[in-house]
PDB file of N, CA and C in Angstrom:
ATOM      1  N   MET A   1      11.584  -4.903  -4.978  1.00  0.00           N
ATOM      2  CA  MET A   1      10.198  -5.176  -4.247  1.00  0.00           C
ATOM      3  C   MET A   1      10.009  -3.917  -3.491  1.00  0.00           C
ATOM      4  N   TYR A   2       8.898  -3.301  -3.183  1.00  0.00           N
ATOM      5  CA  TYR A   2       8.648  -2.357  -2.310  1.00  0.00           C
ATOM      6  C   TYR A   2       7.479  -3.016  -1.568  1.00  0.00           C
ATOM      7  N   TYR A   3       7.375  -3.009  -0.154  1.00  0.00           N
ATOM      8  CA  TYR A   3       6.548  -3.645   0.685  1.00  0.00           C
ATOM      9  C   TYR A   3       5.824  -2.750   1.721  1.00  0.00           C
ATOM     10  N   MET A   4       4.625  -2.551   1.717  1.00  0.00           N
ATOM     11  CA  MET A   4       3.932  -1.557   2.635  1.00  0.00           C
ATOM     12  C   MET A   4       2.789  -2.411   3.385  1.00  0.00           C
ATOM     13  N   TYR A   5       2.560  -2.092   4.562  1.00  0.00           N
ATOM     14  CA  TYR A   5       1.389  -2.742   5.258  1.00  0.00           C
ATOM     15  C   TYR A   5       0.709  -1.792   6.307  1.00  0.00           C
ATOM     16  N   VAL A   6      -0.344  -2.406   6.870  1.00  0.00           N
ATOM     17  CA  VAL A   6      -1.053  -1.762   7.962  1.00  0.00           C
ATOM     18  C   VAL A   6      -1.472  -2.779   8.762  1.00  0.00           C
ATOM     19  N   ASP A   7      -1.258  -2.519  10.148  1.00  0.00           N
ATOM     20  CA  ASP A   7      -1.622  -3.358  11.174  1.00  0.00           C
ATOM     21  C   ASP A   7      -3.090  -3.653  11.076  1.00  0.00           C
ATOM     22  N   VAL A   8      -3.626  -4.916  11.232  1.00  0.00           N
ATOM     23  CA  VAL A   8      -5.047  -5.087  11.089  1.00  0.00           C
ATOM     24  C   VAL A   8      -5.773  -5.121  12.543  1.00  0.00           C
ATOM     25  N   ILE A   9      -6.981  -4.471  12.731  1.00  0.00           N
ATOM     26  CA  ILE A   9      -7.501  -4.502  13.914  1.00  0.00           C
ATOM     27  C   ILE A   9      -8.756  -5.454  13.828  1.00  0.00           C
ATOM     28  N   SER A  10      -9.680  -5.594  14.852  1.00  0.00           N
ATOM     29  CA  SER A  10     -10.792  -6.466  14.903  1.00  0.00           C
ATOM     30  C   SER A  10     -11.882  -5.380  15.214  1.00  0.00           C
ATOM     31  N   PRO A  11     -13.082  -5.480  14.664  1.00  0.00           N
ATOM     32  CA  PRO A  11     -13.068  -6.478  13.460  1.00  0.00           C
ATOM     33  C   PRO A  11     -12.641  -6.106  12.372  1.00  0.00           C
ATOM     34  N   GLU A  12     -12.484  -7.056  11.280  1.00  0.00           N
ATOM     35  CA  GLU A  12     -11.409  -6.820  10.035  1.00  0.00           C
ATOM     36  C   GLU A  12     -12.089  -5.650   9.342  1.00  0.00           C
ATOM     37  N   PRO A  13     -11.144  -4.655   8.892  1.00  0.00           N
ATOM     38  CA  PRO A  13     -11.545  -3.491   7.975  1.00  0.00           C
ATOM     39  C   PRO A  13     -11.558  -3.718   6.509  1.00  0.00           C
ATOM     40  N   ALA A  14     -12.498  -3.091   6.112  1.00  0.00           N
ATOM     41  CA  ALA A  14     -12.370  -2.915   4.554  1.00  0.00           C
ATOM     42  C   ALA A  14     -11.128  -1.878   4.082  1.00  0.00           C
ATOM     43  N   VAL A  15     -10.260  -2.655   3.255  1.00  0.00           N
ATOM     44  CA  VAL A  15      -8.994  -1.736   2.975  1.00  0.00           C
ATOM     45  C   VAL A  15      -8.892  -1.402   1.539  1.00  0.00           C
ATOM     46  N   THR A  16      -8.477  -0.019   1.178  1.00  0.00           N
ATOM     47  CA  THR A  16      -8.226   0.285  -0.181  1.00  0.00           C
ATOM     48  C   THR A  16      -6.961   0.947  -0.238  1.00  0.00           C
ATOM     49  N   TRP A  17      -6.428   0.862  -1.389  1.00  0.00           N
ATOM     50  CA  TRP A  17      -5.159   1.563  -1.547  1.00  0.00           C
ATOM     51  C   TRP A  17      -5.222   2.377  -2.787  1.00  0.00           C
ATOM     52  N   ARG A  18      -4.460   3.766  -2.742  1.00  0.00           N
ATOM     53  CA  ARG A  18      -4.489   4.577  -3.680  1.00  0.00           C
ATOM     54  C   ARG A  18      -2.967   5.080  -4.093  1.00  0.00           C
ATOM     55  N   LYS A  19      -2.815   5.122  -5.262  1.00  0.00           N
ATOM     56  CA  LYS A  19      -1.508   5.765  -5.768  1.00  0.00           C
ATOM     57  C   LYS A  19      -1.755   7.074  -6.364  1.00  0.00           C
ATOM     58  N   ASP A  20      -1.171   8.209  -5.911  1.00  0.00           N
ATOM     59  CA  ASP A  20      -1.580   9.513  -6.108  1.00  0.00           C
ATOM     60  C   ASP A  20      -3.004   9.859  -6.242  1.00  0.00           C
ATOM     61  N   GLY A  21      -3.764   9.309  -5.274  1.00  0.00           N
ATOM     62  CA  GLY A  21      -5.230   9.558  -5.276  1.00  0.00           C
ATOM     63  C   GLY A  21      -6.065   8.615  -6.156  1.00  0.00           C
ATOM     64  N   ARG A  22      -5.320   7.840  -6.892  1.00  0.00           N
ATOM     65  CA  ARG A  22      -6.307   7.050  -7.905  1.00  0.00           C
ATOM     66  C   ARG A  22      -6.170   5.400  -7.146  1.00  0.00           C
ATOM     67  N   HIS A  23      -7.504   4.904  -7.318  1.00  0.00           N
ATOM     68  CA  HIS A  23      -7.604   3.375  -6.609  1.00  0.00           C
ATOM     69  C   HIS A  23      -6.524   2.435  -7.576  1.00  0.00           C
ATOM     70  N   ILE A  24      -5.887   1.670  -6.679  1.00  0.00           N
ATOM     71  CA  ILE A  24      -5.057   0.643  -7.361  1.00  0.00           C
ATOM     72  C   ILE A  24      -5.917  -0.548  -7.570  1.00  0.00           C
ATOM     73  N   PRO A  25      -6.012  -1.079  -8.885  1.00  0.00           N
ATOM     74  CA  PRO A  25      -7.028  -2.214  -8.991  1.00  0.00           C
ATOM     75  C   PRO A  25      -6.408  -3.534  -8.609  1.00  0.00           C
ATOM     76  N   THR A  26      -7.133  -4.372  -8.111  1.00  0.00           N
ATOM     77  CA  THR A  26      -6.465  -5.889  -7.771  1.00  0.00           C
ATOM     78  C   THR A  26      -5.981  -6.618  -8.897  1.00  0.00           C
ATOM     79  N   SER A  27      -6.238  -6.192 -10.034  1.00  0.00           N
ATOM     80  CA  SER A  27      -5.674  -6.818 -11.333  1.00  0.00           C
ATOM     81  C   SER A  27      -4.557  -6.196 -11.689  1.00  0.00           C
ATOM     82  N   HIS A  28      -3.836  -5.206 -11.093  1.00  0.00           N
ATOM     83  CA  HIS A  28      -2.704  -4.602 -11.616  1.00  0.00           C
ATOM     84  C   HIS A  28      -1.540  -5.687 -11.753  1.00  0.00           C
ATOM     85  N   HIS A  29      -0.686  -5.736 -12.655  1.00  0.00           N
ATOM     86  CA  HIS A  29       0.219  -6.745 -13.104  1.00  0.00           C
ATOM     87  C   HIS A  29       1.616  -6.829 -12.128  1.00  0.00           C
ATOM     88  N   ARG A  30       1.870  -5.522 -11.528  1.00  0.00           N
ATOM     89  CA  ARG A  30       3.030  -5.499 -10.784  1.00  0.00           C
ATOM     90  C   ARG A  30       2.653  -5.146  -9.316  1.00  0.00           C
ATOM     91  N   TYR A  31       1.510  -4.780  -9.101  1.00  0.00           N
ATOM     92  CA  TYR A  31       1.045  -4.347  -7.587  1.00  0.00           C
ATOM     93  C   TYR A  31       0.337  -5.421  -7.216  1.00  0.00           C
ATOM     94  N   ARG A  32       0.404  -6.107  -5.986  1.00  0.00           N
ATOM     95  CA  ARG A  32      -0.504  -7.064  -5.412  1.00  0.00           C
ATOM     96  C   ARG A  32      -0.696  -6.886  -4.072  1.00  0.00           C
ATOM     97  N   TYR A  33      -1.765  -7.315  -3.532  1.00  0.00           N
ATOM     98  CA  TYR A  33      -2.278  -7.265  -2.233  1.00  0.00           C
ATOM     99  C   TYR A  33      -1.937  -8.497  -1.468  1.00  0.00           C
ATOM    100  N   GLY A  34      -1.753  -8.318  -0.225  1.00  0.00           N
ATOM    101  CA  GLY A  34      -1.503  -9.662   0.720  1.00  0.00           C
ATOM    102  C   GLY A  34      -2.313  -9.273   1.952  1.00  0.00           C
ATOM    103  N   ASN A  35      -2.551 -10.309   2.705  1.00  0.00           N
ATOM    104  CA  ASN A  35      -3.014 -10.410   4.189  1.00  0.00           C
ATOM    105  C   ASN A  35      -4.355  -9.462   3.971  1.00  0.00           C
ATOM    106  N   PHE A  36      -5.326  -9.964   3.286  1.00  0.00           N
ATOM    107  CA  PHE A  36      -6.575  -9.234   3.386  1.00  0.00           C
ATOM    108  C   PHE A  36      -6.494  -7.895   2.944  1.00  0.00           C
ATOM    109  N   HIS A  37      -5.631  -7.555   2.086  1.00  0.00           N
ATOM    110  CA  HIS A  37      -5.413  -6.016   1.594  1.00  0.00           C
ATOM    111  C   HIS A  37      -4.756  -5.184   2.451  1.00  0.00           C
ATOM    112  N   THR A  38      -4.315  -5.756   3.524  1.00  0.00           N
ATOM    113  CA  THR A  38      -3.468  -4.825   4.483  1.00  0.00           C
ATOM    114  C   THR A  38      -2.071  -4.625   3.997  1.00  0.00           C
ATOM    115  N   GLU A  39      -1.556  -5.354   2.891  1.00  0.00           N
ATOM    116  CA  GLU A  39      -0.250  -5.252   2.410  1.00  0.00           C
ATOM    117  C   GLU A  39      -0.331  -4.959   1.020  1.00  0.00           C
ATOM    118  N   LEU A  40       0.651  -3.845   0.502  1.00  0.00           N
ATOM    119  CA  LEU A  40       0.726  -3.693  -0.902  1.00  0.00           C
ATOM    120  C   LEU A  40       2.101  -3.960  -1.335  1.00  0.00           C
ATOM    121  N   ILE A  41       2.451  -4.758  -2.121  1.00  0.00           N
ATOM    122  CA  ILE A  41       3.647  -5.212  -2.623  1.00  0.00           C
ATOM    123  C   ILE A  41       3.794  -4.852  -4.133  1.00  0.00           C
ATOM    124  N   ILE A  42       4.662  -4.209  -4.295  1.00  0.00           N
ATOM    125  CA  ILE A  42       5.122  -3.583  -5.617  1.00  0.00           C
ATOM    126  C   ILE A  42       6.172  -4.651  -6.217  1.00  0.00           C
ATOM    127  N   GLU A  43       6.156  -5.081  -7.200  1.00  0.00           N
ATOM    128  CA  GLU A  43       7.140  -5.846  -7.832  1.00  0.00           C
ATOM    129  C   GLU A  43       7.826  -5.185  -9.026  1.00  0.00           C
ATOM    130  N   ASP A  44       9.164  -5.467  -9.158  1.00  0.00           N
ATOM    131  CA  ASP A  44      10.151  -4.779 -10.220  1.00  0.00           C
ATOM    132  C   ASP A  44       9.823  -2.975 -10.118  1.00  0.00           C
ATOM    133  N   VAL A  45      10.162  -2.475  -9.041  1.00  0.00           N
ATOM    134  CA  VAL A  45       9.981  -1.355  -8.706  1.00  0.00           C
ATOM    135  C   VAL A  45      10.748  -0.371  -9.900  1.00  0.00           C
ATOM    136  N   ARG A  46      10.035   0.806 -10.254  1.00  0.00           N
ATOM    137  CA  ARG A  46      10.626   1.430 -11.508  1.00  0.00           C
ATOM    138  C   ARG A  46      10.302   2.975 -11.173  1.00  0.00           C
ATOM    139  N   PRO A  47      10.846   3.843 -11.707  1.00  0.00           N
ATOM    140  CA  PRO A  47      10.811   5.369 -11.374  1.00  0.00           C
ATOM    141  C   PRO A  47       9.491   5.806 -11.486  1.00  0.00           C
ATOM    142  N   SER A  48       8.735   5.004 -12.350  1.00  0.00           N
ATOM    143  CA  SER A  48       7.207   5.467 -12.627  1.00  0.00           C
ATOM    144  C   SER A  48       6.445   5.114 -11.540  1.00  0.00           C
ATOM    145  N   ASP A  49       6.904   4.233 -10.407  1.00  0.00           N
ATOM    146  CA  ASP A  49       6.202   3.962  -9.320  1.00  0.00           C
ATOM    147  C   ASP A  49       6.368   5.107  -8.289  1.00  0.00           C
ATOM    148  N   GLU A  50       7.287   6.042  -8.353  1.00  0.00           N
ATOM    149  CA  GLU A  50       7.381   7.249  -7.583  1.00  0.00           C
ATOM    150  C   GLU A  50       6.233   7.736  -7.380  1.00  0.00           C
ATOM    151  N   ALA A  51       5.553   7.830  -6.089  1.00  0.00           N
ATOM    152  CA  ALA A  51       4.269   8.511  -5.900  1.00  0.00           C
ATOM    153  C   ALA A  51       3.813   8.288  -4.353  1.00  0.00           C
ATOM    154  N   GLU A  52       2.659   9.055  -4.072  1.00  0.00           N
ATOM    155  CA  GLU A  52       2.334   8.914  -2.755  1.00  0.00           C
ATOM    156  C   GLU A  52       1.115   7.802  -2.666  1.00  0.00           C
ATOM    157  N   PHE A  53       1.469   6.923  -1.619  1.00  0.00           N
ATOM    158  CA  PHE A  53       0.558   5.782  -1.479  1.00  0.00           C
ATOM    159  C   PHE A  53      -0.434   5.914  -0.332  1.00  0.00           C
ATOM    160  N   THR A  54      -1.670   5.884  -0.409  1.00  0.00           N
ATOM    161  CA  THR A  54      -2.446   5.849   0.639  1.00  0.00           C
ATOM    162  C   THR A  54      -3.294   4.523   0.970  1.00  0.00           C
ATOM    163  N   CYS A  55      -3.313   4.319   2.175  1.00  0.00           N
ATOM    164  CA  CYS A  55      -3.985   3.167   2.717  1.00  0.00           C
ATOM    165  C   CYS A  55      -5.350   3.715   3.509  1.00  0.00           C
ATOM    166  N   HIS A  56      -6.438   3.258   3.100  1.00  0.00           N
ATOM    167  CA  HIS A  56      -7.655   3.661   3.868  1.00  0.00           C
ATOM    168  C   HIS A  56      -8.255   2.368   4.109  1.00  0.00           C
ATOM    169  N   GLY A  57      -8.459   2.323   5.726  1.00  0.00           N
ATOM    170  CA  GLY A  57      -9.191   1.255   6.300  1.00  0.00           C
ATOM    171  C   GLY A  57     -10.350   1.541   6.998  1.00  0.00           C
ATOM    172  N   THR A  58     -11.519   0.933   6.933  1.00  0.00           N
ATOM    173  CA  THR A  58     -12.610   1.327   7.813  1.00  0.00           C
ATOM    174  C   THR A  58     -13.417   0.055   8.378  1.00  0.00           C
ATOM    175  N   ASN A  59     -14.029   0.141   9.446  1.00  0.00           N
ATOM    176  CA  ASN A  59     -14.650  -1.058  10.051  1.00  0.00           C
ATOM    177  C   ASN A  59     -15.871  -0.271  10.903  1.00  0.00           C
ATOM    178  N   ASP A  60     -16.524  -1.229  11.465  1.00  0.00           N
ATOM    179  CA  ASP A  60     -17.768  -0.821  12.344  1.00  0.00           C
ATOM    180  C   ASP A  60     -17.129   0.012  13.514  1.00  0.00           C
ATOM    181  N   ILE A  61     -16.050   0.068  13.962  1.00  0.00           N
ATOM    182  CA  ILE A  61     -15.524   0.960  14.900  1.00  0.00           C
ATOM    183  C   ILE A  61     -15.128   2.149  14.617  1.00  0.00           C
ATOM    184  N   ASP A  62     -14.285   2.225  13.687  1.00  0.00           N
ATOM    185  CA  ASP A  62     -13.210   3.462  13.235  1.00  0.00           C
ATOM    186  C   ASP A  62     -13.020   3.538  11.801  1.00  0.00           C
ATOM    187  N   THR A  63     -12.305   4.628  11.363  1.00  0.00           N
ATOM    188  CA  THR A  63     -11.736   4.675  10.030  1.00  0.00           C
ATOM    189  C   THR A  63     -10.234   5.252  10.302  1.00  0.00           C
ATOM    190  N   SER A  64      -9.450   4.702   9.503  1.00  0.00           N
ATOM    191  CA  SER A  64      -7.997   5.175   9.612  1.00  0.00           C
ATOM    192  C   SER A  64      -7.444   5.285   8.055  1.00  0.00           C
ATOM    193  N   GLU A  65      -6.457   6.215   7.991  1.00  0.00           N
ATOM    194  CA  GLU A  65      -6.029   6.516   6.539  1.00  0.00           C
ATOM    195  C   GLU A  65      -4.410   6.861   6.977  1.00  0.00           C
ATOM    196  N   GLN A  66      -3.610   6.191   6.291  1.00  0.00           N
ATOM    197  CA  GLN A  66      -2.034   6.478   6.335  1.00  0.00           C
ATOM    198  C   GLN A  66      -1.634   6.711   5.012  1.00  0.00           C
ATOM    199  N   THR A  67      -0.531   7.505   4.852  1.00  0.00           N
ATOM    200  CA  THR A  67       0.021   7.901   3.663  1.00  0.00           C
ATOM    201  C   THR A  67       1.680   7.732   3.618  1.00  0.00           C
ATOM    202  N   THR A  68       2.212   7.238   2.617  1.00  0.00           N
ATOM    203  CA  THR A  68       3.529   7.256   2.532  1.00  0.00           C
ATOM    204  C   THR A  68       4.192   7.638   1.069  1.00  0.00           C
ATOM    205  N   PHE A  69       5.306   8.153   0.944  1.00  0.00           N
ATOM    206  CA  PHE A  69       5.771   8.450  -0.442  1.00  0.00           C
ATOM    207  C   PHE A  69       6.797   7.555  -0.785  1.00  0.00           C
ATOM    208  N   LEU A  70       6.730   7.060  -1.897  1.00  0.00           N
ATOM    209  CA  LEU A  70       7.780   6.299  -2.464  1.00  0.00           C
ATOM    210  C   LEU A  70       8.765   7.105  -3.271  1.00  0.00           C
ATOM    211  N   ASP A  71       9.925   6.999  -2.939  1.00  0.00           N
ATOM    212  CA  ASP A  71      10.896   7.977  -3.670  1.00  0.00           C
ATOM    213  C   ASP A  71      11.795   7.182  -4.144  1.00  0.00           C
ATOM    214  N   VAL A  72      11.872   6.617  -5.519  1.00  0.00           N
ATOM    215  CA  VAL A  72      12.550   5.738  -6.225  1.00  0.00           C
ATOM    216  C   VAL A  72      13.740   6.326  -6.789  1.00  0.00           C
ATOM    217  N   GLN A  73      15.051   6.066  -5.992  1.00  0.00           N
ATOM    218  CA  GLN A  73      16.295   6.418  -6.535  1.00  0.00           C
ATOM    219  C   GLN A  73      17.287   5.429  -6.761  1.00  0.00           C
ATOM    220  N   GLY A  74      17.507   4.887  -8.195  1.00  0.00           N
ATOM    221  CA  GLY A  74      18.567   4.029  -8.515  1.00  0.00           C
ATOM    222  C   GLY A  74      17.819   2.713  -8.268  1.00  0.00           C
ATOM    223  N   ILE A  75      18.739   1.556  -7.995  1.00  0.00           N
ATOM    224  CA  ILE A  75      18.084   0.223  -7.794  1.00  0.00           C
ATOM    225  C   ILE A  75      17.597   0.028  -6.494  1.00  0.00           C
ATOM    226  N   VAL A  76      16.400  -0.190  -6.343  1.00  0.00           N
ATOM    227  CA  VAL A  76      15.699  -0.652  -5.051  1.00  0.00           C
ATOM    228  C   VAL A  76      15.739  -1.998  -4.791  1.00  0.00           C
ATOM    229  N   PHE A  77      16.319  -2.547  -3.822  1.00  0.00           N
ATOM    230  CA  PHE A  77      16.311  -4.143  -3.419  1.00  0.00           C
ATOM    231  C   PHE A  77      15.272  -4.345  -2.785  1.00  0.00           C
ATOM    232  N   LYS A  78      14.990  -3.732  -1.601  1.00  0.00           N
ATOM    233  CA  LYS A  78      13.764  -3.976  -0.698  1.00  0.00           C
ATOM    234  C   LYS A  78      13.726  -2.763   0.181  1.00  0.00           C
ATOM    235  N   VAL A  79      12.522  -2.306   0.492  1.00  0.00           N
ATOM    236  CA  VAL A  79      12.282  -0.974   1.434  1.00  0.00           C
ATOM    237  C   VAL A  79      11.011  -1.781   2.115  1.00  0.00           C
ATOM    238  N   LEU A  80      11.089  -1.397   3.429  1.00  0.00           N
ATOM    239  CA  LEU A  80      10.012  -1.641   4.258  1.00  0.00           C
ATOM    240  C   LEU A  80       9.363  -0.563   4.992  1.00  0.00           C
ATOM    241  N   CYS A  81       8.236  -0.301   4.655  1.00  0.00           N
ATOM    242  CA  CYS A  81       7.551   0.912   5.307  1.00  0.00           C
ATOM    243  C   CYS A  81       6.330   0.440   6.090  1.00  0.00           C
ATOM    244  N   ARG A  82       6.424   0.773   7.377  1.00  0.00           N
ATOM    245  CA  ARG A  82       5.283   0.132   8.273  1.00  0.00           C
ATOM    246  C   ARG A  82       4.315   1.400   8.444  1.00  0.00           C
ATOM    247  N   MET A  83       3.246   1.387   8.271  1.00  0.00           N
ATOM    248  CA  MET A  83       2.217   2.192   8.077  1.00  0.00           C
ATOM    249  C   MET A  83       1.280   1.860   9.565  1.00  0.00           C
ATOM    250  N   LEU A  84       1.188   2.693  10.615  1.00  0.00           N
ATOM    251  CA  LEU A  84       0.494   2.600  11.753  1.00  0.00           C
ATOM    252  C   LEU A  84      -0.591   3.298  11.754  1.00  0.00           C
TER     253      LEU A  84
END
């Protein structure tokens, strides 16, 4: 499992996630969102998951975007990536 999240500020932001620039749909069978879309959880990590992941959040006050790269090497048990 790979777990990424962003800290939530107030007012609550509208958050979207992208993998290599493409929007990740909420209906994806192995990628799921948690905590009002501020967390992205990838179940059963595979080599095809290796990519650049971007979280974009916006609210009435500000806009923020954070990017991280998931490098899949062998068996991944759990990786925590905190995006600030």
